[in-house]
Amino acid sequence: MKVQLQKVLPAEIERRSFEIIGEELGNIRLDPVNEPVIKRVIHTTADFDYARTLCFSEKAVEKGIAAIKAGACIVTDTQMARSGINKSTLAAFGGEAFCFMSDEDIAQTAKQNGTTRATASMDKAVTLKKPVIFAIGNAPTALVRLYELIQDGIITPELIIGVPVGFVNVVESKELIMQTKIPYIVAKGRKGGSNVAAAICNALLYKAKE
């Protein structure tokens, strides 16, 4: 069977991809403010389920953009998510992306306390002296620890992007975040991932840049 490929210039690939996404969404109507985030996640994953599973607290996108413009940092739970974030755009607003998972002190703290590195990383993030957006795409224990820190009044994040993927405590950890008063963007259910977390961050960054 002969395969026919579309002739598309590199600069046009993303534009055409978003056109296809719009076409395949058909009659599904997205909130205009949340739409760029949802479409970028679909663009990253080719998974249209996110059109219905991505949940946004009231004005979450606006608050995330405002935080970026005010110089907020982004803390991720994986180096993969951090590497996928457009750090030059973030830096233009005075922000920086952090992932503490590979830090030597995190490994030691986690071992001493009998916790995961993700839990220890959230505790370390408390020491940052700037407003923080958390982008969690892998570890539900990170979301659980954030919930505890919020409940104890120790931290008040600007936004929590809660999209860990998996089977154990994933759904439950997302539900915990949705019970807080912190702005959130959460992928309900088991789906998510570091690529989804980075895609949401980038969608906010690109809107902030406009």
N, C-alpha and C. Protein backbone atom coordinates (compact mmCIF):
# COMPACT_ATOMS: atom_id res chain seq x y z
N MET A 1 0.84 -1.19 0.00
CA MET A 1 0.00 0.00 0.00
C MET A 1 0.88 1.25 0.00
N LYS A 2 0.57 2.16 -0.88
CA LYS A 2 1.32 3.39 -0.98
C LYS A 2 0.82 4.39 0.05
N VAL A 3 1.77 4.95 0.79
CA VAL A 3 1.44 5.93 1.82
C VAL A 3 1.68 7.33 1.26
N GLN A 4 0.66 8.16 1.36
CA GLN A 4 0.78 9.53 0.88
C GLN A 4 0.89 10.49 2.07
N LEU A 5 1.96 11.22 2.12
CA LEU A 5 2.19 12.17 3.20
C LEU A 5 1.82 13.58 2.77
N GLN A 6 1.29 14.34 3.72
CA GLN A 6 1.00 15.74 3.43
C GLN A 6 2.31 16.52 3.33
N LYS A 7 2.37 17.42 2.38
CA LYS A 7 3.55 18.28 2.26
C LYS A 7 3.31 19.53 3.10
N VAL A 8 3.95 19.55 4.27
CA VAL A 8 3.77 20.66 5.19
C VAL A 8 5.13 21.19 5.61
N LEU A 9 5.32 22.48 5.49
CA LEU A 9 6.57 23.10 5.92
C LEU A 9 6.69 23.03 7.43
N PRO A 10 7.90 22.93 7.96
CA PRO A 10 8.09 22.81 9.41
C PRO A 10 7.35 23.88 10.21
N ALA A 11 7.39 25.12 9.73
CA ALA A 11 6.76 26.22 10.45
C ALA A 11 5.24 26.10 10.48
N GLU A 12 4.69 25.29 9.57
CA GLU A 12 3.23 25.17 9.48
C GLU A 12 2.68 23.95 10.22
N ILE A 13 3.56 23.08 10.71
CA ILE A 13 3.09 21.84 11.32
C ILE A 13 2.22 22.10 12.54
N GLU A 14 2.69 22.97 13.44
CA GLU A 14 1.90 23.24 14.64
C GLU A 14 0.57 23.91 14.30
N ARG A 15 0.62 24.87 13.38
CA ARG A 15 -0.61 25.56 13.00
C ARG A 15 -1.62 24.58 12.42
N ARG A 16 -1.15 23.71 11.55
CA ARG A 16 -2.04 22.73 10.94
C ARG A 16 -2.55 21.74 11.98
N SER A 17 -1.70 21.38 12.93
CA SER A 17 -2.11 20.46 13.99
C SER A 17 -3.27 21.04 14.79
N PHE A 18 -3.17 22.32 15.12
CA PHE A 18 -4.25 22.95 15.89
C PHE A 18 -5.52 23.08 15.05
N GLU A 19 -5.37 23.26 13.76
CA GLU A 19 -6.55 23.27 12.89
C GLU A 19 -7.25 21.92 12.92
N ILE A 20 -6.47 20.85 12.84
CA ILE A 20 -7.04 19.51 12.87
C ILE A 20 -7.74 19.25 14.21
N ILE A 21 -7.12 19.70 15.29
CA ILE A 21 -7.73 19.54 16.61
C ILE A 21 -9.09 20.23 16.65
N GLY A 22 -9.14 21.47 16.14
CA GLY A 22 -10.40 22.19 16.10
C GLY A 22 -11.45 21.47 15.28
N GLU A 23 -11.02 20.92 14.14
CA GLU A 23 -11.96 20.19 13.28
C GLU A 23 -12.49 18.93 13.97
N GLU A 24 -11.60 18.20 14.64
CA GLU A 24 -12.01 16.93 15.24
C GLU A 24 -12.79 17.12 16.54
N LEU A 25 -12.66 18.28 17.16
CA LEU A 25 -13.49 18.56 18.33
C LEU A 25 -14.95 18.72 17.93
N GLY A 26 -15.15 19.08 16.67
CA GLY A 26 -16.51 19.16 16.13
C GLY A 26 -17.39 20.13 16.89
N ASN A 27 -18.49 19.62 17.43
CA ASN A 27 -19.47 20.47 18.12
C ASN A 27 -19.15 20.68 19.59
N ILE A 28 -18.05 20.14 20.06
CA ILE A 28 -17.68 20.34 21.46
C ILE A 28 -17.29 21.80 21.67
N ARG A 29 -17.94 22.45 22.60
CA ARG A 29 -17.67 23.86 22.86
C ARG A 29 -16.82 23.99 24.12
N LEU A 30 -15.67 24.62 23.97
CA LEU A 30 -14.76 24.80 25.09
C LEU A 30 -14.85 26.22 25.62
N ASP A 31 -14.63 26.37 26.91
CA ASP A 31 -14.55 27.71 27.49
C ASP A 31 -13.42 28.46 26.79
N PRO A 32 -13.66 29.65 26.24
CA PRO A 32 -12.64 30.37 25.47
C PRO A 32 -11.35 30.62 26.24
N VAL A 33 -11.45 30.82 27.56
CA VAL A 33 -10.25 31.08 28.37
C VAL A 33 -9.45 29.80 28.56
N ASN A 34 -10.13 28.69 28.77
CA ASN A 34 -9.46 27.42 29.01
C ASN A 34 -9.04 26.72 27.72
N GLU A 35 -9.62 27.12 26.61
CA GLU A 35 -9.41 26.45 25.33
C GLU A 35 -7.95 26.30 24.93
N PRO A 36 -7.11 27.36 25.04
CA PRO A 36 -5.70 27.19 24.63
C PRO A 36 -4.97 26.12 25.43
N VAL A 37 -5.32 25.99 26.70
CA VAL A 37 -4.69 24.98 27.55
C VAL A 37 -5.13 23.58 27.11
N ILE A 38 -6.43 23.41 26.93
CA ILE A 38 -6.96 22.10 26.53
C ILE A 38 -6.40 21.68 25.18
N LYS A 39 -6.39 22.60 24.23
CA LYS A 39 -5.91 22.25 22.89
C LYS A 39 -4.41 21.93 22.89
N ARG A 40 -3.63 22.63 23.72
CA ARG A 40 -2.19 22.33 23.76
C ARG A 40 -1.95 20.95 24.38
N VAL A 41 -2.75 20.57 25.35
CA VAL A 41 -2.61 19.24 25.92
C VAL A 41 -3.00 18.18 24.90
N ILE A 42 -4.06 18.43 24.16
CA ILE A 42 -4.45 17.49 23.10
C ILE A 42 -3.35 17.42 22.04
N HIS A 43 -2.78 18.56 21.70
CA HIS A 43 -1.69 18.62 20.72
C HIS A 43 -0.50 17.78 21.19
N THR A 44 -0.23 17.81 22.48
CA THR A 44 0.90 17.08 23.05
C THR A 44 0.65 15.58 23.12
N THR A 45 -0.60 15.20 23.37
CA THR A 45 -0.92 13.80 23.64
C THR A 45 -1.70 13.10 22.54
N ALA A 46 -2.32 13.87 21.63
CA ALA A 46 -3.25 13.34 20.63
C ALA A 46 -4.41 12.61 21.29
N ASP A 47 -4.75 13.03 22.50
CA ASP A 47 -5.81 12.39 23.28
C ASP A 47 -6.93 13.39 23.52
N PHE A 48 -8.06 13.16 22.86
CA PHE A 48 -9.18 14.10 22.95
C PHE A 48 -9.98 13.94 24.25
N ASP A 49 -9.67 12.93 25.04
CA ASP A 49 -10.34 12.79 26.33
C ASP A 49 -10.11 14.02 27.21
N TYR A 50 -9.00 14.70 27.01
CA TYR A 50 -8.69 15.86 27.85
C TYR A 50 -9.68 17.00 27.65
N ALA A 51 -10.42 16.97 26.57
CA ALA A 51 -11.44 18.00 26.38
C ALA A 51 -12.53 17.92 27.44
N ARG A 52 -12.68 16.73 28.04
CA ARG A 52 -13.71 16.58 29.08
C ARG A 52 -13.13 16.31 30.47
N THR A 53 -11.87 15.86 30.53
CA THR A 53 -11.32 15.50 31.85
C THR A 53 -10.49 16.60 32.50
N LEU A 54 -10.04 17.58 31.72
CA LEU A 54 -9.30 18.69 32.34
C LEU A 54 -10.29 19.57 33.09
N CYS A 55 -10.04 19.76 34.37
CA CYS A 55 -10.92 20.55 35.23
C CYS A 55 -10.20 21.80 35.71
N PHE A 56 -10.89 22.90 35.68
CA PHE A 56 -10.31 24.19 36.03
C PHE A 56 -11.11 24.82 37.18
N SER A 57 -10.42 25.25 38.22
CA SER A 57 -11.10 26.04 39.23
C SER A 57 -11.42 27.41 38.64
N GLU A 58 -12.24 28.17 39.33
CA GLU A 58 -12.66 29.46 38.80
C GLU A 58 -11.46 30.38 38.55
N LYS A 59 -11.38 30.85 37.31
CA LYS A 59 -10.33 31.78 36.88
C LYS A 59 -8.91 31.22 37.08
N ALA A 60 -8.77 29.90 37.01
CA ALA A 60 -7.45 29.28 37.19
C ALA A 60 -6.45 29.74 36.14
N VAL A 61 -6.89 29.80 34.89
CA VAL A 61 -5.99 30.21 33.82
C VAL A 61 -5.55 31.66 34.01
N GLU A 62 -6.52 32.53 34.30
CA GLU A 62 -6.19 33.95 34.50
C GLU A 62 -5.22 34.13 35.67
N LYS A 63 -5.45 33.37 36.73
CA LYS A 63 -4.59 33.50 37.92
C LYS A 63 -3.20 32.95 37.64
N GLY A 64 -3.13 31.88 36.86
CA GLY A 64 -1.83 31.33 36.49
C GLY A 64 -1.04 32.29 35.63
N ILE A 65 -1.70 32.91 34.67
CA ILE A 65 -1.04 33.89 33.80
C ILE A 65 -0.56 35.08 34.62
N ALA A 66 -1.40 35.56 35.52
CA ALA A 66 -1.03 36.70 36.37
C ALA A 66 0.17 36.36 37.23
N ALA A 67 0.23 35.14 37.75
CA ALA A 67 1.36 34.72 38.58
C ALA A 67 2.64 34.69 37.76
N ILE A 68 2.56 34.18 36.54
CA ILE A 68 3.74 34.15 35.66
C ILE A 68 4.23 35.56 35.39
N LYS A 69 3.30 36.45 35.09
CA LYS A 69 3.68 37.84 34.82
C LYS A 69 4.29 38.52 36.03
N ALA A 70 3.95 38.03 37.22
CA ALA A 70 4.49 38.60 38.46
C ALA A 70 5.80 37.94 38.87
N GLY A 71 6.32 37.03 38.02
CA GLY A 71 7.63 36.43 38.28
C GLY A 71 7.59 35.13 39.04
N ALA A 72 6.47 34.43 39.05
CA ALA A 72 6.37 33.17 39.78
C ALA A 72 7.33 32.13 39.23
N CYS A 73 7.80 31.27 40.11
CA CYS A 73 8.60 30.12 39.72
C CYS A 73 7.69 28.92 39.50
N ILE A 74 8.18 27.95 38.78
CA ILE A 74 7.44 26.71 38.57
C ILE A 74 8.24 25.56 39.16
N VAL A 75 7.60 24.76 40.01
CA VAL A 75 8.24 23.59 40.61
C VAL A 75 7.58 22.35 40.04
N THR A 76 8.38 21.45 39.49
CA THR A 76 7.87 20.21 38.91
C THR A 76 8.31 19.02 39.76
N ASP A 77 7.69 17.89 39.51
CA ASP A 77 8.07 16.67 40.23
C ASP A 77 8.92 15.73 39.38
N THR A 78 9.26 16.13 38.17
CA THR A 78 10.16 15.34 37.33
C THR A 78 11.05 16.27 36.51
N GLN A 79 12.24 15.77 36.22
CA GLN A 79 13.14 16.53 35.34
C GLN A 79 12.56 16.60 33.93
N MET A 80 11.78 15.60 33.55
CA MET A 80 11.16 15.61 32.23
C MET A 80 10.21 16.79 32.08
N ALA A 81 9.38 17.01 33.08
CA ALA A 81 8.45 18.14 33.03
C ALA A 81 9.22 19.45 32.99
N ARG A 82 10.23 19.56 33.83
CA ARG A 82 11.03 20.79 33.86
C ARG A 82 11.68 21.04 32.50
N SER A 83 12.21 19.98 31.87
CA SER A 83 12.90 20.16 30.59
C SER A 83 11.93 20.57 29.49
N GLY A 84 10.66 20.21 29.63
CA GLY A 84 9.68 20.54 28.60
C GLY A 84 9.11 21.94 28.70
N ILE A 85 9.37 22.62 29.80
CA ILE A 85 8.85 23.98 29.99
C ILE A 85 9.70 24.98 29.24
N ASN A 86 9.07 25.95 28.61
CA ASN A 86 9.79 26.99 27.88
C ASN A 86 10.42 27.95 28.89
N LYS A 87 11.64 27.63 29.29
CA LYS A 87 12.29 28.36 30.37
C LYS A 87 12.73 29.76 29.97
N SER A 88 12.99 29.99 28.70
CA SER A 88 13.38 31.33 28.26
C SER A 88 12.20 32.30 28.40
N THR A 89 11.00 31.83 28.05
CA THR A 89 9.82 32.67 28.22
C THR A 89 9.55 32.92 29.70
N LEU A 90 9.68 31.87 30.51
CA LEU A 90 9.50 32.01 31.95
C LEU A 90 10.50 33.01 32.52
N ALA A 91 11.75 32.92 32.09
CA ALA A 91 12.81 33.81 32.58
C ALA A 91 12.54 35.26 32.18
N ALA A 92 11.90 35.46 31.05
CA ALA A 92 11.60 36.83 30.59
C ALA A 92 10.68 37.55 31.57
N PHE A 93 9.91 36.78 32.34
CA PHE A 93 9.03 37.36 33.35
C PHE A 93 9.67 37.35 34.74
N GLY A 94 10.92 36.86 34.82
CA GLY A 94 11.61 36.81 36.10
C GLY A 94 11.45 35.51 36.86
N GLY A 95 10.87 34.49 36.21
CA GLY A 95 10.65 33.20 36.86
C GLY A 95 11.71 32.18 36.52
N GLU A 96 11.68 31.08 37.24
CA GLU A 96 12.64 29.99 37.02
C GLU A 96 11.93 28.67 37.28
N ALA A 97 12.34 27.63 36.57
CA ALA A 97 11.75 26.31 36.76
C ALA A 97 12.68 25.45 37.62
N PHE A 98 12.10 24.78 38.62
CA PHE A 98 12.87 23.95 39.54
C PHE A 98 12.33 22.53 39.57
N CYS A 99 13.24 21.58 39.74
CA CYS A 99 12.88 20.21 40.08
C CYS A 99 13.95 19.74 41.07
N PHE A 100 13.54 19.41 42.27
CA PHE A 100 14.48 19.04 43.33
C PHE A 100 14.68 17.55 43.46
N MET A 101 14.04 16.77 42.60
CA MET A 101 14.01 15.32 42.77
C MET A 101 15.40 14.66 42.78
N SER A 102 16.34 15.25 42.03
CA SER A 102 17.67 14.64 41.93
C SER A 102 18.65 15.20 42.95
N ASP A 103 18.20 16.13 43.77
CA ASP A 103 19.10 16.76 44.75
C ASP A 103 19.52 15.74 45.81
N GLU A 104 20.78 15.80 46.19
CA GLU A 104 21.31 14.84 47.17
C GLU A 104 20.59 14.95 48.51
N ASP A 105 20.28 16.18 48.92
CA ASP A 105 19.61 16.33 50.22
C ASP A 105 18.19 15.76 50.20
N ILE A 106 17.56 15.76 49.04
CA ILE A 106 16.21 15.21 48.92
C ILE A 106 16.25 13.70 49.14
N ALA A 107 17.23 13.04 48.55
CA ALA A 107 17.36 11.59 48.73
C ALA A 107 17.60 11.25 50.20
N GLN A 108 18.42 12.04 50.86
CA GLN A 108 18.73 11.80 52.27
C GLN A 108 17.50 12.04 53.16
N THR A 109 16.80 13.15 52.89
CA THR A 109 15.62 13.47 53.69
C THR A 109 14.54 12.42 53.52
N ALA A 110 14.32 12.00 52.28
CA ALA A 110 13.30 10.99 52.02
C ALA A 110 13.62 9.68 52.74
N LYS A 111 14.89 9.30 52.74
CA LYS A 111 15.31 8.06 53.41
C LYS A 111 15.12 8.17 54.92
N GLN A 112 15.53 9.31 55.47
CA GLN A 112 15.42 9.51 56.92
C GLN A 112 13.96 9.50 57.38
N ASN A 113 13.09 10.12 56.59
CA ASN A 113 11.68 10.26 56.98
C ASN A 113 10.79 9.14 56.49
N GLY A 114 11.34 8.26 55.68
CA GLY A 114 10.55 7.15 55.14
C GLY A 114 9.47 7.61 54.19
N THR A 115 9.79 8.64 53.39
CA THR A 115 8.83 9.19 52.44
C THR A 115 9.37 9.04 51.03
N THR A 116 8.59 9.48 50.06
CA THR A 116 9.08 9.52 48.68
C THR A 116 9.89 10.79 48.47
N ARG A 117 10.70 10.78 47.43
CA ARG A 117 11.45 11.99 47.07
C ARG A 117 10.49 13.12 46.69
N ALA A 118 9.38 12.76 46.09
CA ALA A 118 8.41 13.79 45.69
C ALA A 118 7.88 14.53 46.91
N THR A 119 7.61 13.80 47.98
CA THR A 119 7.16 14.42 49.22
C THR A 119 8.23 15.37 49.76
N ALA A 120 9.47 14.90 49.81
CA ALA A 120 10.57 15.73 50.30
C ALA A 120 10.77 16.96 49.41
N SER A 121 10.55 16.80 48.13
CA SER A 121 10.71 17.92 47.20
C SER A 121 9.69 19.02 47.47
N MET A 122 8.48 18.64 47.81
CA MET A 122 7.46 19.65 48.11
C MET A 122 7.83 20.41 49.38
N ASP A 123 8.42 19.71 50.36
CA ASP A 123 8.87 20.39 51.58
C ASP A 123 9.98 21.38 51.26
N LYS A 124 10.87 21.01 50.35
CA LYS A 124 11.96 21.91 49.98
C LYS A 124 11.42 23.13 49.24
N ALA A 125 10.38 22.96 48.47
CA ALA A 125 9.81 24.07 47.70
C ALA A 125 9.28 25.17 48.62
N VAL A 126 8.94 24.79 49.86
CA VAL A 126 8.44 25.78 50.83
C VAL A 126 9.48 26.87 51.08
N THR A 127 10.76 26.53 50.90
CA THR A 127 11.84 27.48 51.20
C THR A 127 12.02 28.55 50.12
N LEU A 128 11.38 28.37 48.97
CA LEU A 128 11.50 29.36 47.90
C LEU A 128 10.86 30.68 48.35
N LYS A 129 11.50 31.75 48.02
CA LYS A 129 11.05 33.07 48.49
C LYS A 129 10.21 33.81 47.45
N LYS A 130 9.78 33.10 46.42
CA LYS A 130 8.97 33.72 45.37
C LYS A 130 7.64 32.98 45.27
N PRO A 131 6.64 33.59 44.63
CA PRO A 131 5.39 32.87 44.39
C PRO A 131 5.67 31.63 43.53
N VAL A 132 4.90 30.57 43.77
CA VAL A 132 5.19 29.28 43.14
C VAL A 132 3.95 28.69 42.47
N ILE A 133 4.16 28.17 41.27
CA ILE A 133 3.20 27.32 40.58
C ILE A 133 3.76 25.90 40.64
N PHE A 134 2.95 24.95 41.06
CA PHE A 134 3.38 23.55 41.09
C PHE A 134 2.81 22.83 39.88
N ALA A 135 3.68 22.09 39.19
CA ALA A 135 3.26 21.32 38.02
C ALA A 135 3.62 19.86 38.27
N ILE A 136 2.64 19.08 38.68
CA ILE A 136 2.86 17.70 39.11
C ILE A 136 2.30 16.75 38.06
N GLY A 137 3.18 15.98 37.41
CA GLY A 137 2.75 15.10 36.33
C GLY A 137 3.03 13.64 36.57
N ASN A 138 3.64 13.32 37.71
CA ASN A 138 4.05 11.93 37.91
C ASN A 138 3.70 11.37 39.29
N ALA A 139 3.92 12.16 40.35
CA ALA A 139 3.87 11.62 41.70
C ALA A 139 2.64 12.08 42.48
N PRO A 140 1.69 11.19 42.71
CA PRO A 140 0.55 11.56 43.54
C PRO A 140 0.95 11.95 44.96
N THR A 141 2.07 11.39 45.45
CA THR A 141 2.52 11.75 46.80
C THR A 141 2.88 13.23 46.89
N ALA A 142 3.28 13.82 45.77
CA ALA A 142 3.56 15.26 45.76
C ALA A 142 2.27 16.05 46.00
N LEU A 143 1.19 15.62 45.35
CA LEU A 143 -0.09 16.30 45.55
C LEU A 143 -0.60 16.11 46.97
N VAL A 144 -0.44 14.92 47.52
CA VAL A 144 -0.88 14.66 48.88
C VAL A 144 -0.12 15.56 49.85
N ARG A 145 1.19 15.69 49.65
CA ARG A 145 1.99 16.54 50.54
C ARG A 145 1.61 18.00 50.37
N LEU A 146 1.35 18.44 49.16
CA LEU A 146 0.89 19.81 48.95
C LEU A 146 -0.42 20.06 49.68
N TYR A 147 -1.32 19.11 49.60
CA TYR A 147 -2.60 19.23 50.32
C TYR A 147 -2.36 19.41 51.81
N GLU A 148 -1.45 18.62 52.38
CA GLU A 148 -1.15 18.72 53.81
C GLU A 148 -0.53 20.07 54.15
N LEU A 149 0.38 20.54 53.34
CA LEU A 149 1.04 21.83 53.57
C LEU A 149 0.04 22.98 53.48
N ILE A 150 -0.89 22.86 52.56
CA ILE A 150 -1.93 23.88 52.40
C ILE A 150 -2.86 23.88 53.62
N GLN A 151 -3.28 22.69 54.03
CA GLN A 151 -4.18 22.57 55.17
C GLN A 151 -3.54 23.09 56.45
N ASP A 152 -2.22 22.94 56.57
CA ASP A 152 -1.51 23.40 57.76
C ASP A 152 -1.14 24.88 57.68
N GLY A 153 -1.49 25.53 56.56
CA GLY A 153 -1.21 26.94 56.40
C GLY A 153 0.25 27.27 56.16
N ILE A 154 1.01 26.28 55.71
CA ILE A 154 2.45 26.47 55.50
C ILE A 154 2.75 27.04 54.13
N ILE A 155 1.90 26.75 53.15
CA ILE A 155 2.15 27.20 51.79
C ILE A 155 0.84 27.57 51.12
N THR A 156 0.91 28.60 50.27
CA THR A 156 -0.26 29.01 49.48
C THR A 156 0.19 29.17 48.03
N PRO A 157 0.16 28.10 47.26
CA PRO A 157 0.62 28.18 45.86
C PRO A 157 -0.26 29.12 45.04
N GLU A 158 0.34 29.67 44.00
CA GLU A 158 -0.42 30.50 43.06
C GLU A 158 -1.35 29.64 42.21
N LEU A 159 -0.89 28.43 41.91
CA LEU A 159 -1.65 27.50 41.06
C LEU A 159 -1.07 26.11 41.25
N ILE A 160 -1.94 25.10 41.24
CA ILE A 160 -1.47 23.71 41.23
C ILE A 160 -1.96 23.05 39.95
N ILE A 161 -1.02 22.56 39.17
CA ILE A 161 -1.32 21.76 37.99
C ILE A 161 -1.17 20.32 38.42
N GLY A 162 -2.29 19.63 38.60
CA GLY A 162 -2.27 18.28 39.14
C GLY A 162 -2.66 17.26 38.10
N VAL A 163 -1.65 16.70 37.44
CA VAL A 163 -1.92 15.75 36.35
C VAL A 163 -1.05 14.49 36.43
N PRO A 164 -0.85 13.93 37.65
CA PRO A 164 -0.06 12.70 37.69
C PRO A 164 -0.79 11.56 36.96
N VAL A 165 -0.01 10.65 36.43
CA VAL A 165 -0.55 9.51 35.69
C VAL A 165 -0.32 8.24 36.48
N GLY A 166 -1.25 7.31 36.42
CA GLY A 166 -1.00 6.04 37.09
C GLY A 166 -2.24 5.45 37.72
N PHE A 167 -2.03 4.54 38.68
CA PHE A 167 -3.12 3.74 39.23
C PHE A 167 -3.26 3.83 40.75
N VAL A 168 -2.15 4.04 41.47
CA VAL A 168 -2.19 4.01 42.93
C VAL A 168 -2.29 5.43 43.48
N ASN A 169 -3.41 5.74 44.10
CA ASN A 169 -3.66 7.04 44.75
C ASN A 169 -3.66 8.23 43.78
N VAL A 170 -3.68 7.96 42.49
CA VAL A 170 -3.65 9.05 41.51
C VAL A 170 -4.98 9.82 41.52
N VAL A 171 -6.07 9.11 41.38
CA VAL A 171 -7.38 9.76 41.35
C VAL A 171 -7.65 10.46 42.68
N GLU A 172 -7.33 9.79 43.77
CA GLU A 172 -7.59 10.33 45.10
C GLU A 172 -6.79 11.60 45.37
N SER A 173 -5.53 11.62 44.95
CA SER A 173 -4.69 12.80 45.20
C SER A 173 -5.20 14.02 44.42
N LYS A 174 -5.71 13.77 43.23
CA LYS A 174 -6.27 14.87 42.44
C LYS A 174 -7.53 15.42 43.11
N GLU A 175 -8.34 14.52 43.66
CA GLU A 175 -9.56 14.95 44.34
C GLU A 175 -9.22 15.81 45.56
N LEU A 176 -8.15 15.48 46.26
CA LEU A 176 -7.74 16.27 47.42
C LEU A 176 -7.45 17.71 47.01
N ILE A 177 -6.71 17.89 45.92
CA ILE A 177 -6.36 19.23 45.46
C ILE A 177 -7.61 20.01 45.08
N MET A 178 -8.57 19.33 44.50
CA MET A 178 -9.81 20.00 44.09
C MET A 178 -10.68 20.40 45.28
N GLN A 179 -10.35 19.91 46.47
CA GLN A 179 -11.07 20.29 47.68
C GLN A 179 -10.50 21.55 48.34
N THR A 180 -9.33 21.98 47.89
CA THR A 180 -8.71 23.16 48.49
C THR A 180 -9.25 24.43 47.84
N LYS A 181 -8.85 25.56 48.38
CA LYS A 181 -9.24 26.85 47.83
C LYS A 181 -8.15 27.41 46.91
N ILE A 182 -7.13 26.60 46.63
CA ILE A 182 -6.03 27.00 45.75
C ILE A 182 -6.47 26.83 44.30
N PRO A 183 -6.15 27.80 43.43
CA PRO A 183 -6.45 27.62 42.00
C PRO A 183 -5.81 26.34 41.46
N TYR A 184 -6.54 25.61 40.64
CA TYR A 184 -6.00 24.35 40.14
C TYR A 184 -6.42 24.10 38.70
N ILE A 185 -5.58 23.32 38.03
CA ILE A 185 -5.92 22.68 36.75
C ILE A 185 -5.60 21.21 36.95
N VAL A 186 -6.62 20.37 36.92
CA VAL A 186 -6.47 18.96 37.26
C VAL A 186 -7.03 18.09 36.13
N ALA A 187 -6.32 17.01 35.83
CA ALA A 187 -6.83 16.03 34.87
C ALA A 187 -7.49 14.91 35.66
N LYS A 188 -8.82 14.92 35.69
CA LYS A 188 -9.53 13.90 36.46
C LYS A 188 -9.26 12.51 35.87
N GLY A 189 -9.23 11.53 36.76
CA GLY A 189 -8.99 10.16 36.32
C GLY A 189 -7.53 9.78 36.39
N ARG A 190 -7.18 8.73 35.68
CA ARG A 190 -5.83 8.16 35.75
C ARG A 190 -4.84 8.79 34.79
N LYS A 191 -5.34 9.49 33.79
CA LYS A 191 -4.45 10.01 32.75
C LYS A 191 -3.71 11.26 33.20
N GLY A 192 -2.57 11.49 32.54
CA GLY A 192 -1.76 12.67 32.82
C GLY A 192 -0.34 12.40 32.38
N GLY A 193 0.61 12.96 33.09
CA GLY A 193 2.01 12.73 32.77
C GLY A 193 2.82 14.00 32.77
N SER A 194 4.14 13.83 32.77
CA SER A 194 5.05 14.98 32.77
C SER A 194 4.87 15.84 31.53
N ASN A 195 4.60 15.20 30.39
CA ASN A 195 4.39 15.96 29.16
C ASN A 195 3.14 16.82 29.24
N VAL A 196 2.12 16.32 29.92
CA VAL A 196 0.88 17.09 30.10
C VAL A 196 1.13 18.28 31.02
N ALA A 197 1.87 18.04 32.10
CA ALA A 197 2.20 19.14 33.02
C ALA A 197 2.96 20.25 32.31
N ALA A 198 3.96 19.86 31.50
CA ALA A 198 4.74 20.85 30.76
C ALA A 198 3.89 21.57 29.73
N ALA A 199 3.00 20.85 29.07
CA ALA A 199 2.13 21.46 28.05
C ALA A 199 1.24 22.53 28.66
N ILE A 200 0.70 22.25 29.85
CA ILE A 200 -0.16 23.24 30.51
C ILE A 200 0.66 24.47 30.89
N CYS A 201 1.85 24.25 31.43
CA CYS A 201 2.73 25.39 31.75
C CYS A 201 3.00 26.23 30.52
N ASN A 202 3.32 25.58 29.42
CA ASN A 202 3.64 26.32 28.20
C ASN A 202 2.44 27.07 27.65
N ALA A 203 1.26 26.47 27.74
CA ALA A 203 0.06 27.17 27.29
C ALA A 203 -0.12 28.47 28.07
N LEU A 204 0.11 28.42 29.38
CA LEU A 204 0.01 29.63 30.21
C LEU A 204 1.11 30.63 29.86
N LEU A 205 2.30 30.13 29.64
CA LEU A 205 3.42 31.01 29.27
C LEU A 205 3.17 31.72 27.96
N TYR A 206 2.67 30.99 26.98
CA TYR A 206 2.43 31.61 25.67
C TYR A 206 1.31 32.65 25.74
N LYS A 207 0.29 32.40 26.57
CA LYS A 207 -0.76 33.40 26.75
C LYS A 207 -0.24 34.62 27.48
N ALA A 208 0.65 34.40 28.44
CA ALA A 208 1.24 35.53 29.17
C ALA A 208 2.08 36.40 28.25
N LYS A 209 2.66 35.76 27.25
CA LYS A 209 3.55 36.46 26.32
C LYS A 209 2.80 37.30 25.29
N GLU A 210 1.52 37.00 25.08
CA GLU A 210 0.76 37.69 24.03
C GLU A 210 0.58 39.17 24.34
